Amino acid sequence: MFIDEDTGHAVMGDMYDARGQLWQFALINYYYSPDLNAWHAGTSFYHDLNSGSYMAYNMFQERQLGPILNKGNLTPAMYTPQAARELGN
């Protein structure tokens, strides 16, 4: 795991299998969010070195507006087991 010296966040990681072989590599970038007054996770990539595939999350850089993280519209009811069940998955 590689830790960013400015933010203290883990930004890269290597994953090894039971034989000690590197099989996956992950990286994530962080951006400063003024509405939160904090660093927030941005785009992240997970590379499977065995299959040559990868996954990318939070690809919002081509949107007109980035995510607004502190709208003030969160309620305690959104963090209940019932709310999680209603989301599905």
PDB file of N, CA and C in Angstrom:
ATOM      1  N   MET A   1       0.845  -1.164   0.000  1.00  0.00           N
ATOM      2  CA  MET A   1       0.000   0.000   0.000  1.00  0.00           C
ATOM      3  C   MET A   1       0.896   1.235   0.000  1.00  0.00           C
ATOM      4  N   PHE A   2       0.492   2.211  -0.777  1.00  0.00           N
ATOM      5  CA  PHE A   2       1.248   3.447  -0.876  1.00  0.00           C
ATOM      6  C   PHE A   2       0.395   4.579  -0.320  1.00  0.00           C
ATOM      7  N   ILE A   3       0.935   5.326   0.609  1.00  0.00           N
ATOM      8  CA  ILE A   3       0.209   6.384   1.304  1.00  0.00           C
ATOM      9  C   ILE A   3       0.676   7.742   0.788  1.00  0.00           C
ATOM     10  N   ASP A   4      -0.282   8.608   0.448  1.00  0.00           N
ATOM     11  CA  ASP A   4       0.042   9.965   0.018  1.00  0.00           C
ATOM     12  C   ASP A   4       0.536  10.764   1.216  1.00  0.00           C
ATOM     13  N   GLU A   5       1.684  11.395   1.071  1.00  0.00           N
ATOM     14  CA  GLU A   5       2.279  12.100   2.207  1.00  0.00           C
ATOM     15  C   GLU A   5       1.518  13.366   2.588  1.00  0.00           C
ATOM     16  N   ASP A   6       0.774  13.959   1.658  1.00  0.00           N
ATOM     17  CA  ASP A   6       0.053  15.194   1.971  1.00  0.00           C
ATOM     18  C   ASP A   6      -1.296  14.944   2.630  1.00  0.00           C
ATOM     19  N   THR A   7      -2.010  13.902   2.166  1.00  0.00           N
ATOM     20  CA  THR A   7      -3.355  13.660   2.695  1.00  0.00           C
ATOM     21  C   THR A   7      -3.402  12.528   3.713  1.00  0.00           C
ATOM     22  N   GLY A   8      -2.420  11.631   3.672  1.00  0.00           N
ATOM     23  CA  GLY A   8      -2.455  10.463   4.543  1.00  0.00           C
ATOM     24  C   GLY A   8      -3.371   9.367   4.027  1.00  0.00           C
ATOM     25  N   HIS A   9      -3.871   9.514   2.803  1.00  0.00           N
ATOM     26  CA  HIS A   9      -4.768   8.518   2.214  1.00  0.00           C
ATOM     27  C   HIS A   9      -3.973   7.458   1.455  1.00  0.00           C
ATOM     28  N   ALA A  10      -4.493   6.241   1.482  1.00  0.00           N
ATOM     29  CA  ALA A  10      -3.921   5.184   0.645  1.00  0.00           C
ATOM     30  C   ALA A  10      -4.306   5.483  -0.798  1.00  0.00           C
ATOM     31  N   VAL A  11      -3.332   5.559  -1.690  1.00  0.00           N
ATOM     32  CA  VAL A  11      -3.610   5.927  -3.076  1.00  0.00           C
ATOM     33  C   VAL A  11      -3.296   4.808  -4.072  1.00  0.00           C
ATOM     34  N   MET A  12      -2.489   3.853  -3.694  1.00  0.00           N
ATOM     35  CA  MET A  12      -2.171   2.726  -4.569  1.00  0.00           C
ATOM     36  C   MET A  12      -1.993   1.477  -3.723  1.00  0.00           C
ATOM     37  N   GLY A  13      -2.287   0.356  -4.326  1.00  0.00           N
ATOM     38  CA  GLY A  13      -2.099  -0.893  -3.615  1.00  0.00           C
ATOM     39  C   GLY A  13      -1.836  -2.042  -4.566  1.00  0.00           C
ATOM     40  N   ASP A  14      -1.000  -2.956  -4.146  1.00  0.00           N
ATOM     41  CA  ASP A  14      -0.709  -4.175  -4.896  1.00  0.00           C
ATOM     42  C   ASP A  14      -1.346  -5.340  -4.158  1.00  0.00           C
ATOM     43  N   MET A  15      -2.002  -6.241  -4.883  1.00  0.00           N
ATOM     44  CA  MET A  15      -2.614  -7.417  -4.292  1.00  0.00           C
ATOM     45  C   MET A  15      -1.886  -8.662  -4.798  1.00  0.00           C
ATOM     46  N   TYR A  16      -1.570  -9.537  -3.871  1.00  0.00           N
ATOM     47  CA  TYR A  16      -0.829 -10.757  -4.194  1.00  0.00           C
ATOM     48  C   TYR A  16      -1.691 -11.977  -3.908  1.00  0.00           C
ATOM     49  N   ASP A  17      -1.518 -13.025  -4.703  1.00  0.00           N
ATOM     50  CA  ASP A  17      -2.262 -14.260  -4.476  1.00  0.00           C
ATOM     51  C   ASP A  17      -1.537 -15.129  -3.440  1.00  0.00           C
ATOM     52  N   ALA A  18      -2.065 -16.329  -3.208  1.00  0.00           N
ATOM     53  CA  ALA A  18      -1.503 -17.222  -2.188  1.00  0.00           C
ATOM     54  C   ALA A  18      -0.085 -17.675  -2.529  1.00  0.00           C
ATOM     55  N   ARG A  19       0.298 -17.592  -3.808  1.00  0.00           N
ATOM     56  CA  ARG A  19       1.653 -17.974  -4.231  1.00  0.00           C
ATOM     57  C   ARG A  19       2.629 -16.813  -4.152  1.00  0.00           C
ATOM     58  N   GLY A  20       2.136 -15.646  -3.745  1.00  0.00           N
ATOM     59  CA  GLY A  20       2.995 -14.473  -3.660  1.00  0.00           C
ATOM     60  C   GLY A  20       3.166 -13.740  -4.978  1.00  0.00           C
ATOM     61  N   GLN A  21       2.315 -14.054  -5.953  1.00  0.00           N
ATOM     62  CA  GLN A  21       2.385 -13.419  -7.265  1.00  0.00           C
ATOM     63  C   GLN A  21       1.457 -12.202  -7.315  1.00  0.00           C
ATOM     64  N   LEU A  22       1.959 -11.125  -7.862  1.00  0.00           N
ATOM     65  CA  LEU A  22       1.145  -9.927  -8.042  1.00  0.00           C
ATOM     66  C   LEU A  22       0.048 -10.228  -9.051  1.00  0.00           C
ATOM     67  N   TRP A  23      -1.218 -10.009  -8.665  1.00  0.00           N
ATOM     68  CA  TRP A  23      -2.313 -10.287  -9.598  1.00  0.00           C
ATOM     69  C   TRP A  23      -3.226  -9.088  -9.801  1.00  0.00           C
ATOM     70  N   GLN A  24      -3.209  -8.125  -8.896  1.00  0.00           N
ATOM     71  CA  GLN A  24      -4.087  -6.968  -9.054  1.00  0.00           C
ATOM     72  C   GLN A  24      -3.384  -5.724  -8.551  1.00  0.00           C
ATOM     73  N   PHE A  25      -3.690  -4.628  -9.198  1.00  0.00           N
ATOM     74  CA  PHE A  25      -3.130  -3.327  -8.841  1.00  0.00           C
ATOM     75  C   PHE A  25      -4.285  -2.343  -8.783  1.00  0.00           C
ATOM     76  N   ALA A  26      -4.304  -1.502  -7.775  1.00  0.00           N
ATOM     77  CA  ALA A  26      -5.381  -0.523  -7.628  1.00  0.00           C
ATOM     78  C   ALA A  26      -4.796   0.852  -7.367  1.00  0.00           C
ATOM     79  N   LEU A  27      -5.474   1.857  -7.879  1.00  0.00           N
ATOM     80  CA  LEU A  27      -5.086   3.229  -7.556  1.00  0.00           C
ATOM     81  C   LEU A  27      -6.333   4.090  -7.473  1.00  0.00           C
ATOM     82  N   ILE A  28      -6.230   5.125  -6.678  1.00  0.00           N
ATOM     83  CA  ILE A  28      -7.340   6.049  -6.487  1.00  0.00           C
ATOM     84  C   ILE A  28      -6.769   7.449  -6.335  1.00  0.00           C
ATOM     85  N   ASN A  29      -7.451   8.396  -6.937  1.00  0.00           N
ATOM     86  CA  ASN A  29      -7.014   9.775  -6.732  1.00  0.00           C
ATOM     87  C   ASN A  29      -8.009  10.478  -5.815  1.00  0.00           C
ATOM     88  N   TYR A  30      -7.549  11.477  -5.155  1.00  0.00           N
ATOM     89  CA  TYR A  30      -8.386  12.261  -4.253  1.00  0.00           C
ATOM     90  C   TYR A  30      -8.401  13.699  -4.733  1.00  0.00           C
ATOM     91  N   TYR A  31      -9.494  14.370  -4.474  1.00  0.00           N
ATOM     92  CA  TYR A  31      -9.584  15.790  -4.799  1.00  0.00           C
ATOM     93  C   TYR A  31     -10.104  16.531  -3.579  1.00  0.00           C
ATOM     94  N   TYR A  32      -9.771  17.788  -3.510  1.00  0.00           N
ATOM     95  CA  TYR A  32     -10.235  18.594  -2.387  1.00  0.00           C
ATOM     96  C   TYR A  32     -11.631  19.096  -2.702  1.00  0.00           C
ATOM     97  N   SER A  33     -12.555  18.839  -1.827  1.00  0.00           N
ATOM     98  CA  SER A  33     -13.945  19.238  -2.002  1.00  0.00           C
ATOM     99  C   SER A  33     -14.246  20.426  -1.094  1.00  0.00           C
ATOM    100  N   PRO A  34     -14.373  21.626  -1.659  1.00  0.00           N
ATOM    101  CA  PRO A  34     -14.628  22.805  -0.822  1.00  0.00           C
ATOM    102  C   PRO A  34     -15.936  22.721  -0.039  1.00  0.00           C
ATOM    103  N   ASP A  35     -16.972  22.070  -0.620  1.00  0.00           N
ATOM    104  CA  ASP A  35     -18.240  21.997   0.101  1.00  0.00           C
ATOM    105  C   ASP A  35     -18.148  21.102   1.331  1.00  0.00           C
ATOM    106  N   LEU A  36     -17.234  20.149   1.340  1.00  0.00           N
ATOM    107  CA  LEU A  36     -17.001  19.324   2.527  1.00  0.00           C
ATOM    108  C   LEU A  36     -15.866  19.851   3.386  1.00  0.00           C
ATOM    109  N   ASN A  37     -15.054  20.721   2.795  1.00  0.00           N
ATOM    110  CA  ASN A  37     -13.851  21.215   3.457  1.00  0.00           C
ATOM    111  C   ASN A  37     -12.923  20.048   3.803  1.00  0.00           C
ATOM    112  N   ALA A  38     -12.823  19.102   2.845  1.00  0.00           N
ATOM    113  CA  ALA A  38     -12.025  17.897   3.079  1.00  0.00           C
ATOM    114  C   ALA A  38     -11.653  17.256   1.745  1.00  0.00           C
ATOM    115  N   TRP A  39     -10.726  16.309   1.807  1.00  0.00           N
ATOM    116  CA  TRP A  39     -10.368  15.510   0.642  1.00  0.00           C
ATOM    117  C   TRP A  39     -11.418  14.437   0.446  1.00  0.00           C
ATOM    118  N   HIS A  40     -11.706  14.109  -0.804  1.00  0.00           N
ATOM    119  CA  HIS A  40     -12.720  13.104  -1.115  1.00  0.00           C
ATOM    120  C   HIS A  40     -12.190  12.177  -2.202  1.00  0.00           C
ATOM    121  N   ALA A  41     -12.620  10.921  -2.155  1.00  0.00           N
ATOM    122  CA  ALA A  41     -12.183   9.942  -3.153  1.00  0.00           C
ATOM    123  C   ALA A  41     -12.704  10.321  -4.528  1.00  0.00           C
ATOM    124  N   GLY A  42     -11.809  10.320  -5.490  1.00  0.00           N
ATOM    125  CA  GLY A  42     -12.178  10.606  -6.875  1.00  0.00           C
ATOM    126  C   GLY A  42     -12.213   9.323  -7.682  1.00  0.00           C
ATOM    127  N   THR A  43     -11.698   9.376  -8.880  1.00  0.00           N
ATOM    128  CA  THR A  43     -11.679   8.225  -9.767  1.00  0.00           C
ATOM    129  C   THR A  43     -10.748   7.145  -9.220  1.00  0.00           C
ATOM    130  N   SER A  44     -11.197   5.907  -9.328  1.00  0.00           N
ATOM    131  CA  SER A  44     -10.356   4.794  -8.895  1.00  0.00           C
ATOM    132  C   SER A  44     -10.331   3.726  -9.983  1.00  0.00           C
ATOM    133  N   PHE A  45      -9.207   3.034 -10.077  1.00  0.00           N
ATOM    134  CA  PHE A  45      -9.009   1.987 -11.071  1.00  0.00           C
ATOM    135  C   PHE A  45      -8.514   0.724 -10.388  1.00  0.00           C
ATOM    136  N   TYR A  46      -9.034  -0.410 -10.835  1.00  0.00           N
ATOM    137  CA  TYR A  46      -8.620  -1.711 -10.334  1.00  0.00           C
ATOM    138  C   TYR A  46      -8.222  -2.554 -11.544  1.00  0.00           C
ATOM    139  N   HIS A  47      -6.967  -2.921 -11.636  1.00  0.00           N
ATOM    140  CA  HIS A  47      -6.435  -3.663 -12.776  1.00  0.00           C
ATOM    141  C   HIS A  47      -6.194  -5.115 -12.388  1.00  0.00           C
ATOM    142  N   ASP A  48      -6.810  -6.036 -13.116  1.00  0.00           N
ATOM    143  CA  ASP A  48      -6.559  -7.464 -12.949  1.00  0.00           C
ATOM    144  C   ASP A  48      -5.462  -7.839 -13.935  1.00  0.00           C
ATOM    145  N   LEU A  49      -4.281  -8.119 -13.436  1.00  0.00           N
ATOM    146  CA  LEU A  49      -3.134  -8.369 -14.298  1.00  0.00           C
ATOM    147  C   LEU A  49      -3.179  -9.736 -14.967  1.00  0.00           C
ATOM    148  N   ASN A  50      -3.947 -10.677 -14.420  1.00  0.00           N
ATOM    149  CA  ASN A  50      -4.061 -11.998 -15.041  1.00  0.00           C
ATOM    150  C   ASN A  50      -4.951 -11.959 -16.275  1.00  0.00           C
ATOM    151  N   SER A  51      -6.074 -11.280 -16.174  1.00  0.00           N
ATOM    152  CA  SER A  51      -7.016 -11.250 -17.296  1.00  0.00           C
ATOM    153  C   SER A  51      -6.800 -10.052 -18.216  1.00  0.00           C
ATOM    154  N   GLY A  52      -6.079  -9.047 -17.734  1.00  0.00           N
ATOM    155  CA  GLY A  52      -5.882  -7.835 -18.524  1.00  0.00           C
ATOM    156  C   GLY A  52      -7.063  -6.886 -18.459  1.00  0.00           C
ATOM    157  N   SER A  53      -8.005  -7.155 -17.581  1.00  0.00           N
ATOM    158  CA  SER A  53      -9.191  -6.301 -17.472  1.00  0.00           C
ATOM    159  C   SER A  53      -9.000  -5.259 -16.373  1.00  0.00           C
ATOM    160  N   TYR A  54      -9.872  -4.285 -16.374  1.00  0.00           N
ATOM    161  CA  TYR A  54      -9.842  -3.278 -15.318  1.00  0.00           C
ATOM    162  C   TYR A  54     -11.242  -2.746 -15.083  1.00  0.00           C
ATOM    163  N   MET A  55     -11.430  -2.134 -13.940  1.00  0.00           N
ATOM    164  CA  MET A  55     -12.682  -1.463 -13.601  1.00  0.00           C
ATOM    165  C   MET A  55     -12.340  -0.047 -13.179  1.00  0.00           C
ATOM    166  N   ALA A  56     -13.207   0.886 -13.535  1.00  0.00           N
ATOM    167  CA  ALA A  56     -13.016   2.284 -13.153  1.00  0.00           C
ATOM    168  C   ALA A  56     -14.291   2.779 -12.486  1.00  0.00           C
ATOM    169  N   TYR A  57     -14.140   3.516 -11.411  1.00  0.00           N
ATOM    170  CA  TYR A  57     -15.270   4.065 -10.665  1.00  0.00           C
ATOM    171  C   TYR A  57     -15.153   5.582 -10.591  1.00  0.00           C
ATOM    172  N   ASN A  58     -16.301   6.229 -10.410  1.00  0.00           N
ATOM    173  CA  ASN A  58     -16.374   7.688 -10.217  1.00  0.00           C
ATOM    174  C   ASN A  58     -15.788   8.463 -11.389  1.00  0.00           C
ATOM    175  N   MET A  59     -16.139   8.063 -12.584  1.00  0.00           N
ATOM    176  CA  MET A  59     -15.662   8.755 -13.780  1.00  0.00           C
ATOM    177  C   MET A  59     -16.599   9.928 -14.076  1.00  0.00           C
ATOM    178  N   PHE A  60     -16.446  11.004 -13.353  1.00  0.00           N
ATOM    179  CA  PHE A  60     -17.367  12.130 -13.510  1.00  0.00           C
ATOM    180  C   PHE A  60     -16.725  13.357 -14.135  1.00  0.00           C
ATOM    181  N   GLN A  61     -15.521  13.267 -14.640  1.00  0.00           N
ATOM    182  CA  GLN A  61     -14.825  14.451 -15.121  1.00  0.00           C
ATOM    183  C   GLN A  61     -15.438  15.045 -16.387  1.00  0.00           C
ATOM    184  N   GLU A  62     -16.259  14.311 -17.138  1.00  0.00           N
ATOM    185  CA  GLU A  62     -16.862  14.869 -18.337  1.00  0.00           C
ATOM    186  C   GLU A  62     -18.268  15.403 -18.085  1.00  0.00           C
ATOM    187  N   ARG A  63     -18.731  15.379 -16.869  1.00  0.00           N
ATOM    188  CA  ARG A  63     -20.037  15.942 -16.546  1.00  0.00           C
ATOM    189  C   ARG A  63     -19.953  17.458 -16.496  1.00  0.00           C
ATOM    190  N   GLN A  64     -21.082  18.096 -16.699  1.00  0.00           N
ATOM    191  CA  GLN A  64     -21.143  19.551 -16.600  1.00  0.00           C
ATOM    192  C   GLN A  64     -20.837  20.021 -15.184  1.00  0.00           C
ATOM    193  N   LEU A  65     -21.274  19.242 -14.205  1.00  0.00           N
ATOM    194  CA  LEU A  65     -21.102  19.608 -12.802  1.00  0.00           C
ATOM    195  C   LEU A  65     -20.617  18.384 -12.041  1.00  0.00           C
ATOM    196  N   GLY A  66     -19.582  18.540 -11.265  1.00  0.00           N
ATOM    197  CA  GLY A  66     -19.094  17.446 -10.436  1.00  0.00           C
ATOM    198  C   GLY A  66     -20.071  17.151  -9.311  1.00  0.00           C
ATOM    199  N   PRO A  67     -19.827  16.096  -8.560  1.00  0.00           N
ATOM    200  CA  PRO A  67     -20.744  15.747  -7.474  1.00  0.00           C
ATOM    201  C   PRO A  67     -20.749  16.815  -6.381  1.00  0.00           C
ATOM    202  N   ILE A  68     -21.933  17.113  -5.892  1.00  0.00           N
ATOM    203  CA  ILE A  68     -22.083  18.015  -4.747  1.00  0.00           C
ATOM    204  C   ILE A  68     -22.275  17.112  -3.540  1.00  0.00           C
ATOM    205  N   LEU A  69     -21.331  17.143  -2.641  1.00  0.00           N
ATOM    206  CA  LEU A  69     -21.275  16.145  -1.580  1.00  0.00           C
ATOM    207  C   LEU A  69     -21.977  16.557  -0.301  1.00  0.00           C
ATOM    208  N   ASN A  70     -22.214  17.811  -0.111  1.00  0.00           N
ATOM    209  CA  ASN A  70     -22.782  18.274   1.152  1.00  0.00           C
ATOM    210  C   ASN A  70     -24.008  19.132   0.884  1.00  0.00           C
ATOM    211  N   LYS A  71     -25.032  18.529   0.263  1.00  0.00           N
ATOM    212  CA  LYS A  71     -26.248  19.264  -0.073  1.00  0.00           C
ATOM    213  C   LYS A  71     -27.095  19.556   1.160  1.00  0.00           C
ATOM    214  N   GLY A  72     -26.878  18.802   2.219  1.00  0.00           N
ATOM    215  CA  GLY A  72     -27.692  18.993   3.413  1.00  0.00           C
ATOM    216  C   GLY A  72     -29.005  18.236   3.359  1.00  0.00           C
ATOM    217  N   ASN A  73     -29.156  17.326   2.404  1.00  0.00           N
ATOM    218  CA  ASN A  73     -30.420  16.603   2.274  1.00  0.00           C
ATOM    219  C   ASN A  73     -30.354  15.175   2.822  1.00  0.00           C
ATOM    220  N   LEU A  74     -29.382  14.871   3.650  1.00  0.00           N
ATOM    221  CA  LEU A  74     -29.272  13.546   4.245  1.00  0.00           C
ATOM    222  C   LEU A  74     -30.050  13.500   5.551  1.00  0.00           C
ATOM    223  N   THR A  75     -30.717  12.371   5.772  1.00  0.00           N
ATOM    224  CA  THR A  75     -31.495  12.201   6.999  1.00  0.00           C
ATOM    225  C   THR A  75     -31.068  10.907   7.689  1.00  0.00           C
ATOM    226  N   PRO A  76     -31.284  10.787   8.996  1.00  0.00           N
ATOM    227  CA  PRO A  76     -30.950   9.536   9.691  1.00  0.00           C
ATOM    228  C   PRO A  76     -31.696   8.330   9.123  1.00  0.00           C
ATOM    229  N   ALA A  77     -32.895   8.544   8.587  1.00  0.00           N
ATOM    230  CA  ALA A  77     -33.679   7.435   8.032  1.00  0.00           C
ATOM    231  C   ALA A  77     -33.004   6.806   6.817  1.00  0.00           C
ATOM    232  N   MET A  78     -32.100   7.518   6.187  1.00  0.00           N
ATOM    233  CA  MET A  78     -31.396   6.989   5.018  1.00  0.00           C
ATOM    234  C   MET A  78     -30.342   5.959   5.410  1.00  0.00           C
ATOM    235  N   TYR A  79     -30.033   5.837   6.690  1.00  0.00           N
ATOM    236  CA  TYR A  79     -28.960   4.966   7.167  1.00  0.00           C
ATOM    237  C   TYR A  79     -29.488   3.864   8.070  1.00  0.00           C
ATOM    238  N   THR A  80     -30.632   3.332   7.729  1.00  0.00           N
ATOM    239  CA  THR A  80     -31.232   2.247   8.502  1.00  0.00           C
ATOM    240  C   THR A  80     -31.160   0.952   7.696  1.00  0.00           C
ATOM    241  N   PRO A  81     -31.294  -0.197   8.359  1.00  0.00           N
ATOM    242  CA  PRO A  81     -31.336  -1.458   7.616  1.00  0.00           C
ATOM    243  C   PRO A  81     -32.470  -1.486   6.584  1.00  0.00           C
ATOM    244  N   GLN A  82     -33.614  -0.915   6.930  1.00  0.00           N
ATOM    245  CA  GLN A  82     -34.739  -0.889   5.991  1.00  0.00           C
ATOM    246  C   GLN A  82     -34.398  -0.079   4.744  1.00  0.00           C
ATOM    247  N   ALA A  83     -33.727   1.038   4.921  1.00  0.00           N
ATOM    248  CA  ALA A  83     -33.333   1.852   3.766  1.00  0.00           C
ATOM    249  C   ALA A  83     -32.375   1.076   2.869  1.00  0.00           C
ATOM    250  N   ALA A  84     -31.475   0.305   3.457  1.00  0.00           N
ATOM    251  CA  ALA A  84     -30.548  -0.508   2.664  1.00  0.00           C
ATOM    252  C   ALA A  84     -31.302  -1.585   1.890  1.00  0.00           C
ATOM    253  N   ARG A  85     -32.312  -2.208   2.529  1.00  0.00           N
ATOM    254  CA  ARG A  85     -33.107  -3.227   1.837  1.00  0.00           C
ATOM    255  C   ARG A  85     -33.868  -2.622   0.666  1.00  0.00           C
ATOM    256  N   GLU A  86     -34.378  -1.418   0.838  1.00  0.00           N
ATOM    257  CA  GLU A  86     -35.155  -0.771  -0.220  1.00  0.00           C
ATOM    258  C   GLU A  86     -34.303  -0.397  -1.424  1.00  0.00           C
ATOM    259  N   LEU A  87     -33.003  -0.225  -1.220  1.00  0.00           N
ATOM    260  CA  LEU A  87     -32.114   0.072  -2.341  1.00  0.00           C
ATOM    261  C   LEU A  87     -31.889  -1.146  -3.224  1.00  0.00           C
ATOM    262  N   GLY A  88     -32.112  -2.336  -2.682  1.00  0.00           N
ATOM    263  CA  GLY A  88     -31.892  -3.558  -3.446  1.00  0.00           C
ATOM    264  C   GLY A  88     -30.431  -3.937  -3.457  1.00  0.00           C
ATOM    265  N   ASN A  89     -30.090  -4.763  -4.433  1.00  0.00           N
ATOM    266  CA  ASN A  89     -28.712  -5.197  -4.643  1.00  0.00           C
ATOM    267  C   ASN A  89     -28.557  -6.611  -4.298  1.00  0.00           C
TER     268      ASN A  89
END
